[in-house]
PDB file of all heavy atoms in Angstrom:
ATOM      1  N   GLY A   1       0.817  -1.204   0.000  1.00  0.00           N
ATOM      2  CA  GLY A   1       0.000   0.000   0.000  1.00  0.00           C
ATOM      3  C   GLY A   1       0.853   1.257   0.000  1.00  0.00           C
ATOM      4  O   GLY A   1       0.541   2.238  -0.689  1.00  0.00           O
ATOM      5  N   PHE A   2       1.928   1.232   0.755  1.00  0.00           N
ATOM      6  CA  PHE A   2       2.834   2.385   0.826  1.00  0.00           C
ATOM      7  C   PHE A   2       3.510   2.616  -0.521  1.00  0.00           C
ATOM      8  O   PHE A   2       3.645   3.758  -0.980  1.00  0.00           O
ATOM      9  CB  PHE A   2       3.865   2.146   1.928  1.00  0.00           C
ATOM     10  CG  PHE A   2       4.824   3.284   2.157  1.00  0.00           C
ATOM     11  CD1 PHE A   2       4.382   4.601   2.215  1.00  0.00           C
ATOM     12  CD2 PHE A   2       6.181   3.036   2.328  1.00  0.00           C
ATOM     13  CE1 PHE A   2       5.270   5.645   2.439  1.00  0.00           C
ATOM     14  CE2 PHE A   2       7.075   4.079   2.551  1.00  0.00           C
ATOM     15  CZ  PHE A   2       6.616   5.378   2.599  1.00  0.00           C
ATOM     16  N   LEU A   3       3.934   1.525  -1.169  1.00  0.00           N
ATOM     17  CA  LEU A   3       4.550   1.645  -2.485  1.00  0.00           C
ATOM     18  C   LEU A   3       3.559   2.219  -3.497  1.00  0.00           C
ATOM     19  O   LEU A   3       3.891   3.130  -4.273  1.00  0.00           O
ATOM     20  CB  LEU A   3       5.045   0.279  -2.953  1.00  0.00           C
ATOM     21  CG  LEU A   3       5.645   0.231  -4.364  1.00  0.00           C
ATOM     22  CD1 LEU A   3       6.910   1.080  -4.446  1.00  0.00           C
ATOM     23  CD2 LEU A   3       5.938  -1.204  -4.782  1.00  0.00           C
ATOM     24  N   ALA A   4       2.338   1.709  -3.473  1.00  0.00           N
ATOM     25  CA  ALA A   4       1.318   2.192  -4.409  1.00  0.00           C
ATOM     26  C   ALA A   4       1.022   3.665  -4.180  1.00  0.00           C
ATOM     27  O   ALA A   4       0.828   4.435  -5.131  1.00  0.00           O
ATOM     28  CB  ALA A   4       0.037   1.360  -4.256  1.00  0.00           C
ATOM     29  N   TYR A   5       1.000   4.080  -2.911  1.00  0.00           N
ATOM     30  CA  TYR A   5       0.740   5.481  -2.592  1.00  0.00           C
ATOM     31  C   TYR A   5       1.842   6.382  -3.139  1.00  0.00           C
ATOM     32  O   TYR A   5       1.567   7.420  -3.752  1.00  0.00           O
ATOM     33  CB  TYR A   5       0.621   5.666  -1.082  1.00  0.00           C
ATOM     34  CG  TYR A   5       0.476   7.107  -0.667  1.00  0.00           C
ATOM     35  CD1 TYR A   5      -0.733   7.776  -0.816  1.00  0.00           C
ATOM     36  CD2 TYR A   5       1.566   7.815  -0.168  1.00  0.00           C
ATOM     37  CE1 TYR A   5      -0.864   9.117  -0.465  1.00  0.00           C
ATOM     38  CE2 TYR A   5       1.441   9.151   0.187  1.00  0.00           C
ATOM     39  CZ  TYR A   5       0.227   9.790   0.042  1.00  0.00           C
ATOM     40  OH  TYR A   5       0.101  11.120   0.374  1.00  0.00           O
ATOM     41  N   ARG A   6       3.101   5.995  -2.942  1.00  0.00           N
ATOM     42  CA  ARG A   6       4.209   6.822  -3.424  1.00  0.00           C
ATOM     43  C   ARG A   6       4.190   6.935  -4.949  1.00  0.00           C
ATOM     44  O   ARG A   6       4.425   7.996  -5.513  1.00  0.00           O
ATOM     45  CB  ARG A   6       5.539   6.246  -2.944  1.00  0.00           C
ATOM     46  CG  ARG A   6       5.829   6.529  -1.465  1.00  0.00           C
ATOM     47  CD  ARG A   6       7.131   5.888  -1.035  1.00  0.00           C
ATOM     48  NE  ARG A   6       6.994   4.451  -0.906  1.00  0.00           N
ATOM     49  CZ  ARG A   6       7.994   3.588  -1.084  1.00  0.00           C
ATOM     50  NH1 ARG A   6       9.191   4.024  -1.442  1.00  0.00           N
ATOM     51  NH2 ARG A   6       7.803   2.293  -0.933  1.00  0.00           N
ATOM     52  N   LYS A   7       3.912   5.823  -5.623  1.00  0.00           N
ATOM     53  CA  LYS A   7       3.840   5.866  -7.089  1.00  0.00           C
ATOM     54  C   LYS A   7       2.695   6.759  -7.557  1.00  0.00           C
ATOM     55  O   LYS A   7       2.847   7.510  -8.537  1.00  0.00           O
ATOM     56  CB  LYS A   7       3.677   4.455  -7.643  1.00  0.00           C
ATOM     57  CG  LYS A   7       4.935   3.601  -7.548  1.00  0.00           C
ATOM     58  CD  LYS A   7       4.720   2.251  -8.213  1.00  0.00           C
ATOM     59  CE  LYS A   7       5.998   1.445  -8.243  1.00  0.00           C
ATOM     60  NZ  LYS A   7       5.846   0.155  -8.950  1.00  0.00           N
ATOM     61  N   ALA A   8       1.562   6.679  -6.875  1.00  0.00           N
ATOM     62  CA  ALA A   8       0.424   7.524  -7.252  1.00  0.00           C
ATOM     63  C   ALA A   8       0.769   8.998  -7.092  1.00  0.00           C
ATOM     64  O   ALA A   8       0.346   9.838  -7.903  1.00  0.00           O
ATOM     65  CB  ALA A   8      -0.795   7.171  -6.395  1.00  0.00           C
ATOM     66  N   GLU A   9       1.547   9.340  -6.078  1.00  0.00           N
ATOM     67  CA  GLU A   9       1.969  10.722  -5.865  1.00  0.00           C
ATOM     68  C   GLU A   9       2.856  11.209  -7.023  1.00  0.00           C
ATOM     69  O   GLU A   9       2.701  12.342  -7.501  1.00  0.00           O
ATOM     70  CB  GLU A   9       2.731  10.833  -4.541  1.00  0.00           C
ATOM     71  CG  GLU A   9       1.892  10.615  -3.295  1.00  0.00           C
ATOM     72  CD  GLU A   9       1.262  11.889  -2.803  1.00  0.00           C
ATOM     73  OE1 GLU A   9       0.138  12.194  -3.264  1.00  0.00           O
ATOM     74  OE2 GLU A   9       1.889  12.556  -1.980  1.00  0.00           O
ATOM     75  N   ILE A  10       3.776  10.365  -7.454  1.00  0.00           N
ATOM     76  CA  ILE A  10       4.655  10.757  -8.558  1.00  0.00           C
ATOM     77  C   ILE A  10       3.858  10.880  -9.851  1.00  0.00           C
ATOM     78  O   ILE A  10       4.134  11.759 -10.685  1.00  0.00           O
ATOM     79  CB  ILE A  10       5.822   9.757  -8.716  1.00  0.00           C
ATOM     80  CG1 ILE A  10       6.664   9.717  -7.423  1.00  0.00           C
ATOM     81  CG2 ILE A  10       6.695  10.135  -9.907  1.00  0.00           C
ATOM     82  CD1 ILE A  10       7.267  11.054  -7.016  1.00  0.00           C
ATOM     83  N   ARG A  11       2.859  10.033 -10.028  1.00  0.00           N
ATOM     84  CA  ARG A  11       1.999  10.159 -11.215  1.00  0.00           C
ATOM     85  C   ARG A  11       1.231  11.483 -11.189  1.00  0.00           C
ATOM     86  O   ARG A  11       0.965  12.071 -12.242  1.00  0.00           O
ATOM     87  CB  ARG A  11       1.032   8.979 -11.290  1.00  0.00           C
ATOM     88  CG  ARG A  11       1.704   7.655 -11.651  1.00  0.00           C
ATOM     89  CD  ARG A  11       0.690   6.562 -11.969  1.00  0.00           C
ATOM     90  NE  ARG A  11       1.374   5.319 -12.305  1.00  0.00           N
ATOM     91  CZ  ARG A  11       1.545   4.301 -11.471  1.00  0.00           C
ATOM     92  NH1 ARG A  11       1.057   4.375 -10.233  1.00  0.00           N
ATOM     93  NH2 ARG A  11       2.176   3.207 -11.851  1.00  0.00           N
ATOM     94  N   ARG A  12       0.872  11.939  -9.998  1.00  0.00           N
ATOM     95  CA  ARG A  12       0.213  13.250  -9.895  1.00  0.00           C
ATOM     96  C   ARG A  12       1.155  14.368 -10.327  1.00  0.00           C
ATOM     97  O   ARG A  12       0.737  15.341 -10.966  1.00  0.00           O
ATOM     98  CB  ARG A  12      -0.276  13.481  -8.466  1.00  0.00           C
ATOM     99  CG  ARG A  12      -1.451  12.609  -8.056  1.00  0.00           C
ATOM    100  CD  ARG A  12      -1.777  12.783  -6.596  1.00  0.00           C
ATOM    101  NE  ARG A  12      -2.323  14.103  -6.306  1.00  0.00           N
ATOM    102  CZ  ARG A  12      -2.505  14.582  -5.083  1.00  0.00           C
ATOM    103  NH1 ARG A  12      -2.162  13.853  -4.028  1.00  0.00           N
ATOM    104  NH2 ARG A  12      -3.011  15.779  -4.905  1.00  0.00           N
ATOM    105  N   LEU A  13       2.442  14.233  -9.985  1.00  0.00           N
ATOM    106  CA  LEU A  13       3.423  15.217 -10.447  1.00  0.00           C
ATOM    107  C   LEU A  13       3.528  15.177 -11.971  1.00  0.00           C
ATOM    108  O   LEU A  13       3.597  16.227 -12.627  1.00  0.00           O
ATOM    109  CB  LEU A  13       4.796  14.931  -9.828  1.00  0.00           C
ATOM    110  CG  LEU A  13       4.980  15.192  -8.340  1.00  0.00           C
ATOM    111  CD1 LEU A  13       6.411  14.862  -7.930  1.00  0.00           C
ATOM    112  CD2 LEU A  13       4.650  16.639  -7.975  1.00  0.00           C
ATOM    113  N   ALA A  14       3.540  13.966 -12.535  1.00  0.00           N
ATOM    114  CA  ALA A  14       3.628  13.835 -13.993  1.00  0.00           C
ATOM    115  C   ALA A  14       2.426  14.494 -14.660  1.00  0.00           C
ATOM    116  O   ALA A  14       2.561  15.167 -15.695  1.00  0.00           O
ATOM    117  CB  ALA A  14       3.707  12.359 -14.375  1.00  0.00           C
ATOM    118  N   LYS A  15       1.247  14.314 -14.063  1.00  0.00           N
ATOM    119  CA  LYS A  15       0.034  14.917 -14.622  1.00  0.00           C
ATOM    120  C   LYS A  15       0.120  16.443 -14.571  1.00  0.00           C
ATOM    121  O   LYS A  15      -0.280  17.137 -15.508  1.00  0.00           O
ATOM    122  CB  LYS A  15      -1.183  14.426 -13.820  1.00  0.00           C
ATOM    123  CG  LYS A  15      -2.521  14.764 -14.441  1.00  0.00           C
ATOM    124  CD  LYS A  15      -2.762  13.948 -15.688  1.00  0.00           C
ATOM    125  CE  LYS A  15      -4.156  14.202 -16.235  1.00  0.00           C
ATOM    126  NZ  LYS A  15      -4.375  13.504 -17.529  1.00  0.00           N
ATOM    127  N   ALA A  16       0.656  16.968 -13.472  1.00  0.00           N
ATOM    128  CA  ALA A  16       0.779  18.424 -13.336  1.00  0.00           C
ATOM    129  C   ALA A  16       1.722  18.994 -14.388  1.00  0.00           C
ATOM    130  O   ALA A  16       1.514  20.110 -14.874  1.00  0.00           O
ATOM    131  CB  ALA A  16       1.265  18.779 -11.935  1.00  0.00           C
ATOM    132  N   LEU A  17       2.762  18.251 -14.734  1.00  0.00           N
ATOM    133  CA  LEU A  17       3.718  18.731 -15.738  1.00  0.00           C
ATOM    134  C   LEU A  17       3.077  18.868 -17.117  1.00  0.00           C
ATOM    135  O   LEU A  17       3.594  19.587 -17.977  1.00  0.00           O
ATOM    136  CB  LEU A  17       4.917  17.788 -15.836  1.00  0.00           C
ATOM    137  CG  LEU A  17       5.891  17.782 -14.650  1.00  0.00           C
ATOM    138  CD1 LEU A  17       7.012  16.778 -14.903  1.00  0.00           C
ATOM    139  CD2 LEU A  17       6.469  19.169 -14.394  1.00  0.00           C
ATOM    140  N   GLU A  18       1.975  18.158 -17.323  1.00  0.00           N
ATOM    141  CA  GLU A  18       1.286  18.237 -18.618  1.00  0.00           C
ATOM    142  C   GLU A  18       0.552  19.564 -18.803  1.00  0.00           C
ATOM    143  O   GLU A  18       0.216  19.944 -19.927  1.00  0.00           O
ATOM    144  CB  GLU A  18       0.294  17.080 -18.751  1.00  0.00           C
ATOM    145  CG  GLU A  18       0.959  15.704 -18.801  1.00  0.00           C
ATOM    146  CD  GLU A  18      -0.065  14.578 -18.799  1.00  0.00           C
ATOM    147  OE1 GLU A  18      -1.287  14.884 -18.855  1.00  0.00           O
ATOM    148  OE2 GLU A  18       0.343  13.405 -18.749  1.00  0.00           O
ATOM    149  N   GLN A  19       0.294  20.256 -17.678  1.00  0.00           N
ATOM    150  CA  GLN A  19      -0.396  21.537 -17.766  1.00  0.00           C
ATOM    151  C   GLN A  19       0.598  22.645 -18.113  1.00  0.00           C
ATOM    152  O   GLN A  19       1.718  22.686 -17.589  1.00  0.00           O
ATOM    153  CB  GLN A  19      -1.074  21.870 -16.439  1.00  0.00           C
ATOM    154  CG  GLN A  19      -2.121  20.853 -16.006  1.00  0.00           C
ATOM    155  CD  GLN A  19      -2.721  21.195 -14.661  1.00  0.00           C
ATOM    156  OE1 GLN A  19      -2.853  20.354 -13.781  1.00  0.00           O
ATOM    157  NE2 GLN A  19      -3.103  22.455 -14.493  1.00  0.00           N
ATOM    158  N   GLU A  20       0.175  23.540 -18.963  1.00  0.00           N
ATOM    159  CA  GLU A  20       1.060  24.646 -19.341  1.00  0.00           C
ATOM    160  C   GLU A  20       1.140  25.698 -18.242  1.00  0.00           C
ATOM    161  O   GLU A  20       2.165  26.363 -18.088  1.00  0.00           O
ATOM    162  CB  GLU A  20       0.551  25.285 -20.636  1.00  0.00           C
ATOM    163  CG  GLU A  20       0.696  24.387 -21.859  1.00  0.00           C
ATOM    164  CD  GLU A  20       0.307  25.105 -23.140  1.00  0.00           C
ATOM    165  OE1 GLU A  20      -0.010  26.311 -23.063  1.00  0.00           O
ATOM    166  OE2 GLU A  20       0.322  24.461 -24.200  1.00  0.00           O
ATOM    167  N   ARG A  21       0.068  25.841 -17.475  1.00  0.00           N
ATOM    168  CA  ARG A  21       0.022  26.865 -16.432  1.00  0.00           C
ATOM    169  C   ARG A  21      -0.629  26.272 -15.190  1.00  0.00           C
ATOM    170  O   ARG A  21      -1.519  25.427 -15.283  1.00  0.00           O
ATOM    171  CB  ARG A  21      -0.765  28.092 -16.912  1.00  0.00           C
ATOM    172  CG  ARG A  21      -0.222  28.689 -18.201  1.00  0.00           C
ATOM    173  CD  ARG A  21      -1.137  29.744 -18.768  1.00  0.00           C
ATOM    174  NE  ARG A  21      -1.101  30.979 -17.983  1.00  0.00           N
ATOM    175  CZ  ARG A  21      -0.192  31.933 -18.151  1.00  0.00           C
ATOM    176  NH1 ARG A  21       0.753  31.796 -19.069  1.00  0.00           N
ATOM    177  NH2 ARG A  21      -0.212  33.025 -17.425  1.00  0.00           N
ATOM    178  N   LEU A  22      -0.189  26.751 -14.013  1.00  0.00           N
ATOM    179  CA  LEU A  22      -0.700  26.257 -12.735  1.00  0.00           C
ATOM    180  C   LEU A  22      -1.148  27.419 -11.865  1.00  0.00           C
ATOM    181  O   LEU A  22      -0.471  28.441 -11.791  1.00  0.00           O
ATOM    182  CB  LEU A  22       0.378  25.460 -11.994  1.00  0.00           C
ATOM    183  CG  LEU A  22       0.919  24.199 -12.672  1.00  0.00           C
ATOM    184  CD1 LEU A  22       2.141  23.691 -11.915  1.00  0.00           C
ATOM    185  CD2 LEU A  22      -0.144  23.117 -12.722  1.00  0.00           C
ATOM    186  N   THR A  23      -2.277  27.247 -11.175  1.00  0.00           N
ATOM    187  CA  THR A  23      -2.697  28.229 -10.179  1.00  0.00           C
ATOM    188  C   THR A  23      -1.840  28.061  -8.924  1.00  0.00           C
ATOM    189  O   THR A  23      -1.104  27.072  -8.775  1.00  0.00           O
ATOM    190  CB  THR A  23      -4.169  28.030  -9.801  1.00  0.00           C
ATOM    191  OG1 THR A  23      -4.312  26.754  -9.147  1.00  0.00           O
ATOM    192  CG2 THR A  23      -5.075  28.088 -11.030  1.00  0.00           C
ATOM    193  N   GLY A  24      -1.954  29.012  -8.013  1.00  0.00           N
ATOM    194  CA  GLY A  24      -1.225  28.904  -6.749  1.00  0.00           C
ATOM    195  C   GLY A  24      -1.580  27.634  -6.001  1.00  0.00           C
ATOM    196  O   GLY A  24      -0.708  26.956  -5.438  1.00  0.00           O
ATOM    197  N   HIS A  25      -2.859  27.268  -5.998  1.00  0.00           N
ATOM    198  CA  HIS A  25      -3.291  26.064  -5.296  1.00  0.00           C
ATOM    199  C   HIS A  25      -2.700  24.816  -5.945  1.00  0.00           C
ATOM    200  O   HIS A  25      -2.225  23.904  -5.248  1.00  0.00           O
ATOM    201  CB  HIS A  25      -4.816  25.975  -5.286  1.00  0.00           C
ATOM    202  CG  HIS A  25      -5.342  24.709  -4.689  1.00  0.00           C
ATOM    203  ND1 HIS A  25      -5.303  24.451  -3.331  1.00  0.00           N
ATOM    204  CD2 HIS A  25      -5.891  23.600  -5.277  1.00  0.00           C
ATOM    205  CE1 HIS A  25      -5.813  23.252  -3.105  1.00  0.00           C
ATOM    206  NE2 HIS A  25      -6.170  22.727  -4.266  1.00  0.00           N
ATOM    207  N   GLU A  26      -2.721  24.757  -7.267  1.00  0.00           N
ATOM    208  CA  GLU A  26      -2.168  23.590  -7.970  1.00  0.00           C
ATOM    209  C   GLU A  26      -0.668  23.479  -7.743  1.00  0.00           C
ATOM    210  O   GLU A  26      -0.128  22.381  -7.554  1.00  0.00           O
ATOM    211  CB  GLU A  26      -2.478  23.702  -9.463  1.00  0.00           C
ATOM    212  CG  GLU A  26      -3.946  23.517  -9.799  1.00  0.00           C
ATOM    213  CD  GLU A  26      -4.293  23.952 -11.218  1.00  0.00           C
ATOM    214  OE1 GLU A  26      -3.530  24.762 -11.796  1.00  0.00           O
ATOM    215  OE2 GLU A  26      -5.325  23.475 -11.739  1.00  0.00           O
ATOM    216  N   PHE A  27       0.005  24.611  -7.740  1.00  0.00           N
ATOM    217  CA  PHE A  27       1.449  24.628  -7.482  1.00  0.00           C
ATOM    218  C   PHE A  27       1.745  24.148  -6.066  1.00  0.00           C
ATOM    219  O   PHE A  27       2.657  23.346  -5.838  1.00  0.00           O
ATOM    220  CB  PHE A  27       1.979  26.046  -7.692  1.00  0.00           C
ATOM    221  CG  PHE A  27       3.465  26.184  -7.512  1.00  0.00           C
ATOM    222  CD1 PHE A  27       4.334  25.939  -8.566  1.00  0.00           C
ATOM    223  CD2 PHE A  27       3.997  26.567  -6.292  1.00  0.00           C
ATOM    224  CE1 PHE A  27       5.708  26.069  -8.403  1.00  0.00           C
ATOM    225  CE2 PHE A  27       5.364  26.704  -6.114  1.00  0.00           C
ATOM    226  CZ  PHE A  27       6.223  26.454  -7.187  1.00  0.00           C
ATOM    227  N   HIS A  28       0.953  24.628  -5.099  1.00  0.00           N
ATOM    228  CA  HIS A  28       1.155  24.245  -3.701  1.00  0.00           C
ATOM    229  C   HIS A  28       0.896  22.753  -3.501  1.00  0.00           C
ATOM    230  O   HIS A  28       1.590  22.098  -2.708  1.00  0.00           O
ATOM    231  CB  HIS A  28       0.233  25.070  -2.809  1.00  0.00           C
ATOM    232  CG  HIS A  28       0.513  24.909  -1.352  1.00  0.00           C
ATOM    233  ND1 HIS A  28       1.769  25.041  -0.806  1.00  0.00           N
ATOM    234  CD2 HIS A  28      -0.312  24.616  -0.305  1.00  0.00           C
ATOM    235  CE1 HIS A  28       1.715  24.851   0.506  1.00  0.00           C
ATOM    236  NE2 HIS A  28       0.471  24.577   0.830  1.00  0.00           N
ATOM    237  N   THR A  29      -0.072  22.201  -4.217  1.00  0.00           N
ATOM    238  CA  THR A  29      -0.346  20.765  -4.145  1.00  0.00           C
ATOM    239  C   THR A  29       0.867  19.967  -4.631  1.00  0.00           C
ATOM    240  O   THR A  29       1.244  18.955  -4.027  1.00  0.00           O
ATOM    241  CB  THR A  29      -1.580  20.410  -4.991  1.00  0.00           C
ATOM    242  OG1 THR A  29      -2.721  21.080  -4.445  1.00  0.00           O
ATOM    243  CG2 THR A  29      -1.836  18.908  -5.002  1.00  0.00           C
ATOM    244  N   MET A  30       1.481  20.428  -5.719  1.00  0.00           N
ATOM    245  CA  MET A  30       2.707  19.784  -6.196  1.00  0.00           C
ATOM    246  C   MET A  30       3.797  19.831  -5.134  1.00  0.00           C
ATOM    247  O   MET A  30       4.482  18.830  -4.878  1.00  0.00           O
ATOM    248  CB  MET A  30       3.220  20.495  -7.447  1.00  0.00           C
ATOM    249  CG  MET A  30       2.554  20.143  -8.741  1.00  0.00           C
ATOM    250  SD  MET A  30       3.402  20.939 -10.148  1.00  0.00           S
ATOM    251  CE  MET A  30       4.928  19.980 -10.237  1.00  0.00           C
ATOM    252  N   ARG A  31       3.946  20.995  -4.509  1.00  0.00           N
ATOM    253  CA  ARG A  31       5.014  21.122  -3.526  1.00  0.00           C
ATOM    254  C   ARG A  31       4.781  20.216  -2.316  1.00  0.00           C
ATOM    255  O   ARG A  31       5.726  19.654  -1.758  1.00  0.00           O
ATOM    256  CB  ARG A  31       5.147  22.573  -3.062  1.00  0.00           C
ATOM    257  CG  ARG A  31       6.459  22.755  -2.285  1.00  0.00           C
ATOM    258  CD  ARG A  31       6.479  23.912  -1.361  1.00  0.00           C
ATOM    259  NE  ARG A  31       7.711  23.890  -0.575  1.00  0.00           N
ATOM    260  CZ  ARG A  31       7.911  24.600   0.508  1.00  0.00           C
ATOM    261  NH1 ARG A  31       6.965  25.410   0.941  1.00  0.00           N
ATOM    262  NH2 ARG A  31       9.041  24.515   1.187  1.00  0.00           N
ATOM    263  N   LYS A  32       3.540  20.039  -1.907  1.00  0.00           N
ATOM    264  CA  LYS A  32       3.252  19.164  -0.771  1.00  0.00           C
ATOM    265  C   LYS A  32       3.658  17.726  -1.080  1.00  0.00           C
ATOM    266  O   LYS A  32       4.148  17.008  -0.202  1.00  0.00           O
ATOM    267  CB  LYS A  32       1.777  19.251  -0.390  1.00  0.00           C
ATOM    268  CG  LYS A  32       1.410  20.543   0.333  1.00  0.00           C
ATOM    269  CD  LYS A  32       0.037  20.492   0.963  1.00  0.00           C
ATOM    270  CE  LYS A  32      -1.063  20.512  -0.067  1.00  0.00           C
ATOM    271  NZ  LYS A  32      -2.406  20.620   0.558  1.00  0.00           N
ATOM    272  N   ILE A  33       3.454  17.298  -2.327  1.00  0.00           N
ATOM    273  CA  ILE A  33       3.878  15.957  -2.720  1.00  0.00           C
ATOM    274  C   ILE A  33       5.388  15.836  -2.588  1.00  0.00           C
ATOM    275  O   ILE A  33       5.915  14.870  -2.012  1.00  0.00           O
ATOM    276  CB  ILE A  33       3.425  15.652  -4.163  1.00  0.00           C
ATOM    277  CG1 ILE A  33       1.901  15.544  -4.237  1.00  0.00           C
ATOM    278  CG2 ILE A  33       4.078  14.361  -4.679  1.00  0.00           C
ATOM    279  CD1 ILE A  33       1.352  15.460  -5.651  1.00  0.00           C
ATOM    280  N   VAL A  34       6.103  16.813  -3.124  1.00  0.00           N
ATOM    281  CA  VAL A  34       7.567  16.807  -3.047  1.00  0.00           C
ATOM    282  C   VAL A  34       8.022  16.828  -1.584  1.00  0.00           C
ATOM    283  O   VAL A  34       8.920  16.071  -1.189  1.00  0.00           O
ATOM    284  CB  VAL A  34       8.155  18.006  -3.817  1.00  0.00           C
ATOM    285  CG1 VAL A  34       9.663  18.130  -3.570  1.00  0.00           C
ATOM    286  CG2 VAL A  34       7.869  17.872  -5.312  1.00  0.00           C
ATOM    287  N   SER A  35       7.383  17.653  -0.771  1.00  0.00           N
ATOM    288  CA  SER A  35       7.768  17.766   0.647  1.00  0.00           C
ATOM    289  C   SER A  35       7.582  16.445   1.382  1.00  0.00           C
ATOM    290  O   SER A  35       8.408  16.080   2.233  1.00  0.00           O
ATOM    291  CB  SER A  35       6.941  18.854   1.330  1.00  0.00           C
ATOM    292  OG  SER A  35       7.207  20.119   0.780  1.00  0.00           O
ATOM    293  N   ARG A  36       6.508  15.735   1.074  1.00  0.00           N
ATOM    294  CA  ARG A  36       6.289  14.438   1.720  1.00  0.00           C
ATOM    295  C   ARG A  36       7.399  13.455   1.357  1.00  0.00           C
ATOM    296  O   ARG A  36       7.890  12.716   2.220  1.00  0.00           O
ATOM    297  CB  ARG A  36       4.925  13.873   1.329  1.00  0.00           C
ATOM    298  CG  ARG A  36       3.767  14.539   2.025  1.00  0.00           C
ATOM    299  CD  ARG A  36       2.479  13.770   1.855  1.00  0.00           C
ATOM    300  NE  ARG A  36       1.879  13.916   0.544  1.00  0.00           N
ATOM    301  CZ  ARG A  36       0.976  14.840   0.225  1.00  0.00           C
ATOM    302  NH1 ARG A  36       0.596  15.727   1.130  1.00  0.00           N
ATOM    303  NH2 ARG A  36       0.455  14.886  -0.984  1.00  0.00           N
ATOM    304  N   HIS A  37       7.811  13.460   0.092  1.00  0.00           N
ATOM    305  CA  HIS A  37       8.877  12.552  -0.321  1.00  0.00           C
ATOM    306  C   HIS A  37      10.219  12.964   0.278  1.00  0.00           C
ATOM    307  O   HIS A  37      11.031  12.099   0.637  1.00  0.00           O
ATOM    308  CB  HIS A  37       8.936  12.496  -1.848  1.00  0.00           C
ATOM    309  CG  HIS A  37       7.872  11.632  -2.453  1.00  0.00           C
ATOM    310  ND1 HIS A  37       8.111  10.366  -2.930  1.00  0.00           N
ATOM    311  CD2 HIS A  37       6.543  11.836  -2.615  1.00  0.00           C
ATOM    312  CE1 HIS A  37       6.995   9.841  -3.379  1.00  0.00           C
ATOM    313  NE2 HIS A  37       6.016  10.710  -3.193  1.00  0.00           N
ATOM    314  N   VAL A  38      10.466  14.264   0.384  1.00  0.00           N
ATOM    315  CA  VAL A  38      11.681  14.724   1.074  1.00  0.00           C
ATOM    316  C   VAL A  38      11.697  14.188   2.501  1.00  0.00           C
ATOM    317  O   VAL A  38      12.713  13.663   2.976  1.00  0.00           O
ATOM    318  CB  VAL A  38      11.762  16.266   1.111  1.00  0.00           C
ATOM    319  CG1 VAL A  38      12.958  16.707   1.951  1.00  0.00           C
ATOM    320  CG2 VAL A  38      11.888  16.853  -0.283  1.00  0.00           C
TER     321      VAL A  38
END
C-alpha cells in the first residue's frame, strides 16, 4: 500500500507537468507531494 501510494503521488506530479500553467493552489499541491517525499 505504501509503495502504491508513493507511485500515485509521482503520477500526480507527472500529470501536473502536462499543464502549461498552474494556479497557486495547484502549485502548492505539487510542492506538498515533493515535501512528503523529502
